[in-house]
Amino acid sequence: MKFEDEIKQVTPFPTEQQKAIVNLMYTGNILVDRSIKILKPFNINEQHYNILRILKGRHPEAMCPGEIKEVLLNKRGDLTRLLDKLDKMGVVVRGTNPENRRMINILLNNKGVKLLDKIKAQMEVLRIHEKSITEKEAKQLNTILDKIRG
């Protein structure tokens, strides 16, 4: 369905660039909403999932909260609160950094790895979108998104 029809836009956008930005935000929100529905039964939100994926990328090494914050997709949340929940769920382990006792290390444990594996299977539903665009189109989209971010 055309974007204008989906949002019931009567007057045309002033420019294609403005339309593209609104379309990007609209589409991004749809994908976030779909991922929220997938994550809800696991009692985590998309920020928790992002943290778990970041930690999985370094597994079995630990990361300090500052390193995690640098690469979070959504930096608006309170990282301490997010980590507290993951710790309470028993999917991460907090420990003192042996090189700097004032720093905390966060480590994804086996329970966290297993949780990510379960979630990954559910997230396959979102992979349907991979079939809607070609590899070449995806590369073009990534180039355009890089340009938008500057």
C-alpha atoms as a PDB file:
ATOM      1  CA  MET A   1       0.000   0.000   0.000  1.00  0.00           C
ATOM      2  CA  LYS A   2       1.233   3.491  -0.796  1.00  0.00           C
ATOM      3  CA  PHE A   3       2.388   5.471   2.214  1.00  0.00           C
ATOM      4  CA  GLU A   4      -0.024   8.361   1.571  1.00  0.00           C
ATOM      5  CA  ASP A   5      -2.963   5.942   1.449  1.00  0.00           C
ATOM      6  CA  GLU A   6      -1.890   4.187   4.618  1.00  0.00           C
ATOM      7  CA  ILE A   7      -1.719   7.425   6.621  1.00  0.00           C
ATOM      8  CA  LYS A   8      -4.718   8.900   4.779  1.00  0.00           C
ATOM      9  CA  GLN A   9      -2.686  11.880   3.564  1.00  0.00           C
ATOM     10  CA  VAL A  10      -4.912  14.146   1.490  1.00  0.00           C
ATOM     11  CA  THR A  11      -2.526  16.981   0.634  1.00  0.00           C
ATOM     12  CA  PRO A  12       0.790  15.993  -0.909  1.00  0.00           C
ATOM     13  CA  PHE A  13       4.003  16.387   1.028  1.00  0.00           C
ATOM     14  CA  PRO A  14       5.898  19.575   0.089  1.00  0.00           C
ATOM     15  CA  THR A  15       8.943  17.519  -0.971  1.00  0.00           C
ATOM     16  CA  GLU A  16       9.840  13.886  -1.520  1.00  0.00           C
ATOM     17  CA  GLN A  17      12.545  14.292   1.155  1.00  0.00           C
ATOM     18  CA  GLN A  18       9.951  15.275   3.772  1.00  0.00           C
ATOM     19  CA  LYS A  19       7.748  12.400   2.718  1.00  0.00           C
ATOM     20  CA  ALA A  20      10.707  10.015   2.979  1.00  0.00           C
ATOM     21  CA  ILE A  21      11.559  11.121   6.528  1.00  0.00           C
ATOM     22  CA  VAL A  22       7.947  10.780   7.737  1.00  0.00           C
ATOM     23  CA  ASN A  23       7.699   7.429   5.937  1.00  0.00           C
ATOM     24  CA  LEU A  24      10.925   6.283   7.614  1.00  0.00           C
ATOM     25  CA  MET A  25       9.655   7.218  11.088  1.00  0.00           C
ATOM     26  CA  TYR A  26       6.264   5.619  10.433  1.00  0.00           C
ATOM     27  CA  THR A  27       7.803   2.397   9.145  1.00  0.00           C
ATOM     28  CA  GLY A  28      10.337   2.326  11.991  1.00  0.00           C
ATOM     29  CA  ASN A  29       7.530   2.633  14.533  1.00  0.00           C
ATOM     30  CA  ILE A  30       5.652  -0.247  12.903  1.00  0.00           C
ATOM     31  CA  LEU A  31       8.734  -2.468  13.194  1.00  0.00           C
ATOM     32  CA  VAL A  32       9.295  -1.405  16.826  1.00  0.00           C
ATOM     33  CA  ASP A  33       5.638  -2.148  17.661  1.00  0.00           C
ATOM     34  CA  ARG A  34       5.954  -5.611  16.135  1.00  0.00           C
ATOM     35  CA  SER A  35       9.123  -6.339  18.088  1.00  0.00           C
ATOM     36  CA  ILE A  36       7.479  -5.110  21.330  1.00  0.00           C
ATOM     37  CA  LYS A  37       4.681  -7.639  20.835  1.00  0.00           C
ATOM     38  CA  ILE A  38       7.252 -10.396  20.348  1.00  0.00           C
ATOM     39  CA  LEU A  39       9.277  -9.379  23.417  1.00  0.00           C
ATOM     40  CA  LYS A  40       6.341  -8.872  25.796  1.00  0.00           C
ATOM     41  CA  PRO A  41       5.917 -12.574  26.714  1.00  0.00           C
ATOM     42  CA  PHE A  42       9.601 -12.623  27.699  1.00  0.00           C
ATOM     43  CA  ASN A  43       8.957  -9.723  30.104  1.00  0.00           C
ATOM     44  CA  ILE A  44      11.501  -7.424  28.444  1.00  0.00           C
ATOM     45  CA  ASN A  45      11.306  -4.394  26.184  1.00  0.00           C
ATOM     46  CA  GLU A  46      13.276  -3.515  23.068  1.00  0.00           C
ATOM     47  CA  GLN A  47      15.961  -1.747  25.130  1.00  0.00           C
ATOM     48  CA  HIS A  48      16.542  -4.852  27.256  1.00  0.00           C
ATOM     49  CA  TYR A  49      16.756  -6.902  24.071  1.00  0.00           C
ATOM     50  CA  ASN A  50      19.249  -4.453  22.586  1.00  0.00           C
ATOM     51  CA  ILE A  51      21.431  -4.684  25.722  1.00  0.00           C
ATOM     52  CA  LEU A  52      21.325  -8.488  25.619  1.00  0.00           C
ATOM     53  CA  ARG A  53      22.344  -8.469  21.945  1.00  0.00           C
ATOM     54  CA  ILE A  54      25.199  -6.061  22.661  1.00  0.00           C
ATOM     55  CA  LEU A  55      26.447  -8.298  25.469  1.00  0.00           C
ATOM     56  CA  LYS A  56      26.080 -11.363  23.243  1.00  0.00           C
ATOM     57  CA  GLY A  57      28.348  -9.663  20.704  1.00  0.00           C
ATOM     58  CA  ARG A  58      31.117  -9.557  23.313  1.00  0.00           C
ATOM     59  CA  HIS A  59      30.298 -12.860  24.994  1.00  0.00           C
ATOM     60  CA  PRO A  60      32.097 -14.371  26.892  1.00  0.00           C
ATOM     61  CA  GLU A  61      33.797 -11.065  27.710  1.00  0.00           C
ATOM     62  CA  ALA A  62      32.205  -8.508  30.030  1.00  0.00           C
ATOM     63  CA  MET A  63      31.401  -4.879  29.238  1.00  0.00           C
ATOM     64  CA  CYS A  64      31.124  -1.818  31.414  1.00  0.00           C
ATOM     65  CA  PRO A  65      27.882   0.198  31.316  1.00  0.00           C
ATOM     66  CA  GLY A  66      29.589   3.079  29.493  1.00  0.00           C
ATOM     67  CA  GLU A  67      30.532   0.789  26.605  1.00  0.00           C
ATOM     68  CA  ILE A  68      26.968  -0.504  26.435  1.00  0.00           C
ATOM     69  CA  LYS A  69      25.499   3.020  26.464  1.00  0.00           C
ATOM     70  CA  GLU A  70      27.744   4.064  23.547  1.00  0.00           C
ATOM     71  CA  VAL A  71      26.181   1.517  21.201  1.00  0.00           C
ATOM     72  CA  LEU A  72      22.577   1.395  22.409  1.00  0.00           C
ATOM     73  CA  LEU A  73      20.069   1.992  19.628  1.00  0.00           C
ATOM     74  CA  ASN A  74      17.833   3.976  21.984  1.00  0.00           C
ATOM     75  CA  LYS A  75      19.875   6.028  24.445  1.00  0.00           C
ATOM     76  CA  ARG A  76      16.860   7.616  26.159  1.00  0.00           C
ATOM     77  CA  GLY A  77      16.390   4.996  28.867  1.00  0.00           C
ATOM     78  CA  ASP A  78      17.967   4.825  32.281  1.00  0.00           C
ATOM     79  CA  LEU A  79      20.712   2.256  31.724  1.00  0.00           C
ATOM     80  CA  THR A  80      21.093   1.481  35.428  1.00  0.00           C
ATOM     81  CA  ARG A  81      17.390   0.650  35.724  1.00  0.00           C
ATOM     82  CA  LEU A  82      17.514  -1.479  32.568  1.00  0.00           C
ATOM     83  CA  LEU A  83      20.539  -3.400  33.863  1.00  0.00           C
ATOM     84  CA  ASP A  84      18.891  -3.810  37.282  1.00  0.00           C
ATOM     85  CA  LYS A  85      15.966  -5.622  35.658  1.00  0.00           C
ATOM     86  CA  LEU A  86      18.228  -7.901  33.614  1.00  0.00           C
ATOM     87  CA  ASP A  87      20.233  -8.664  36.758  1.00  0.00           C
ATOM     88  CA  LYS A  88      17.051  -9.382  38.722  1.00  0.00           C
ATOM     89  CA  MET A  89      15.908 -11.727  35.927  1.00  0.00           C
ATOM     90  CA  GLY A  90      19.204 -13.579  36.327  1.00  0.00           C
ATOM     91  CA  VAL A  91      20.317 -13.183  32.695  1.00  0.00           C
ATOM     92  CA  VAL A  92      23.347 -10.985  33.394  1.00  0.00           C
ATOM     93  CA  VAL A  93      25.962 -10.942  36.122  1.00  0.00           C
ATOM     94  CA  ARG A  94      27.399  -7.789  37.630  1.00  0.00           C
ATOM     95  CA  GLY A  95      30.917  -7.809  38.905  1.00  0.00           C
ATOM     96  CA  THR A  96      33.722  -5.490  39.873  1.00  0.00           C
ATOM     97  CA  ASN A  97      36.243  -4.683  37.168  1.00  0.00           C
ATOM     98  CA  PRO A  98      39.559  -6.194  38.310  1.00  0.00           C
ATOM     99  CA  GLU A  99      41.555  -3.327  36.756  1.00  0.00           C
ATOM    100  CA  ASN A 100      39.415  -0.521  38.187  1.00  0.00           C
ATOM    101  CA  ARG A 101      37.440  -1.404  41.306  1.00  0.00           C
ATOM    102  CA  ARG A 102      35.153   1.618  40.848  1.00  0.00           C
ATOM    103  CA  MET A 103      33.906   0.218  37.517  1.00  0.00           C
ATOM    104  CA  ILE A 104      31.276  -2.455  37.106  1.00  0.00           C
ATOM    105  CA  ASN A 105      31.450  -5.278  34.579  1.00  0.00           C
ATOM    106  CA  ILE A 106      28.292  -6.692  33.029  1.00  0.00           C
ATOM    107  CA  LEU A 107      28.440 -10.236  31.693  1.00  0.00           C
ATOM    108  CA  LEU A 108      25.805 -12.196  29.793  1.00  0.00           C
ATOM    109  CA  ASN A 109      25.403 -15.569  31.506  1.00  0.00           C
ATOM    110  CA  ASN A 110      24.149 -18.908  30.125  1.00  0.00           C
ATOM    111  CA  LYS A 111      20.557 -18.121  31.101  1.00  0.00           C
ATOM    112  CA  GLY A 112      20.836 -14.901  29.092  1.00  0.00           C
ATOM    113  CA  VAL A 113      22.231 -16.738  26.078  1.00  0.00           C
ATOM    114  CA  LYS A 114      19.337 -19.218  26.240  1.00  0.00           C
ATOM    115  CA  LEU A 115      16.818 -16.391  26.513  1.00  0.00           C
ATOM    116  CA  LEU A 116      18.306 -14.724  23.443  1.00  0.00           C
ATOM    117  CA  ASP A 117      18.068 -18.005  21.533  1.00  0.00           C
ATOM    118  CA  LYS A 118      14.345 -18.267  22.387  1.00  0.00           C
ATOM    119  CA  ILE A 119      13.737 -14.656  21.396  1.00  0.00           C
ATOM    120  CA  LYS A 120      15.682 -15.061  18.165  1.00  0.00           C
ATOM    121  CA  ALA A 121      13.314 -17.812  17.067  1.00  0.00           C
ATOM    122  CA  GLN A 122      10.331 -15.512  17.692  1.00  0.00           C
ATOM    123  CA  MET A 123      11.994 -12.555  15.964  1.00  0.00           C
ATOM    124  CA  GLU A 124      12.180 -14.570  12.742  1.00  0.00           C
ATOM    125  CA  VAL A 125       8.689 -13.188  12.066  1.00  0.00           C
ATOM    126  CA  LEU A 126      10.307  -9.814  11.378  1.00  0.00           C
ATOM    127  CA  ARG A 127      12.585 -11.408   8.790  1.00  0.00           C
ATOM    128  CA  ILE A 128       9.623 -11.468   6.402  1.00  0.00           C
ATOM    129  CA  HIS A 129      10.623  -7.921   5.514  1.00  0.00           C
ATOM    130  CA  GLU A 130      13.920  -9.197   4.166  1.00  0.00           C
ATOM    131  CA  LYS A 131      11.972 -10.838   1.374  1.00  0.00           C
ATOM    132  CA  SER A 132      10.237  -7.566   0.465  1.00  0.00           C
ATOM    133  CA  ILE A 133      13.429  -5.895  -0.770  1.00  0.00           C
ATOM    134  CA  THR A 134      16.395  -7.229  -2.698  1.00  0.00           C
ATOM    135  CA  GLU A 135      19.984  -7.260  -1.460  1.00  0.00           C
ATOM    136  CA  LYS A 136      20.754  -4.378  -3.830  1.00  0.00           C
ATOM    137  CA  GLU A 137      17.787  -2.361  -2.548  1.00  0.00           C
ATOM    138  CA  ALA A 138      18.837  -3.021   1.046  1.00  0.00           C
ATOM    139  CA  LYS A 139      22.332  -1.764   0.268  1.00  0.00           C
ATOM    140  CA  GLN A 140      20.871   1.397  -1.305  1.00  0.00           C
ATOM    141  CA  LEU A 141      18.605   1.913   1.711  1.00  0.00           C
ATOM    142  CA  ASN A 142      21.556   1.521   4.099  1.00  0.00           C
ATOM    143  CA  THR A 143      23.545   4.085   2.101  1.00  0.00           C
ATOM    144  CA  ILE A 144      20.630   6.527   2.224  1.00  0.00           C
ATOM    145  CA  LEU A 145      20.122   6.001   5.960  1.00  0.00           C
ATOM    146  CA  ASP A 146      23.821   6.631   6.544  1.00  0.00           C
ATOM    147  CA  LYS A 147      23.484   9.913   4.607  1.00  0.00           C
ATOM    148  CA  ILE A 148      20.437  10.963   6.648  1.00  0.00           C
ATOM    149  CA  ARG A 149      22.340  10.438   9.910  1.00  0.00           C
ATOM    150  CA  GLY A 150      25.187  12.548   8.529  1.00  0.00           C
END
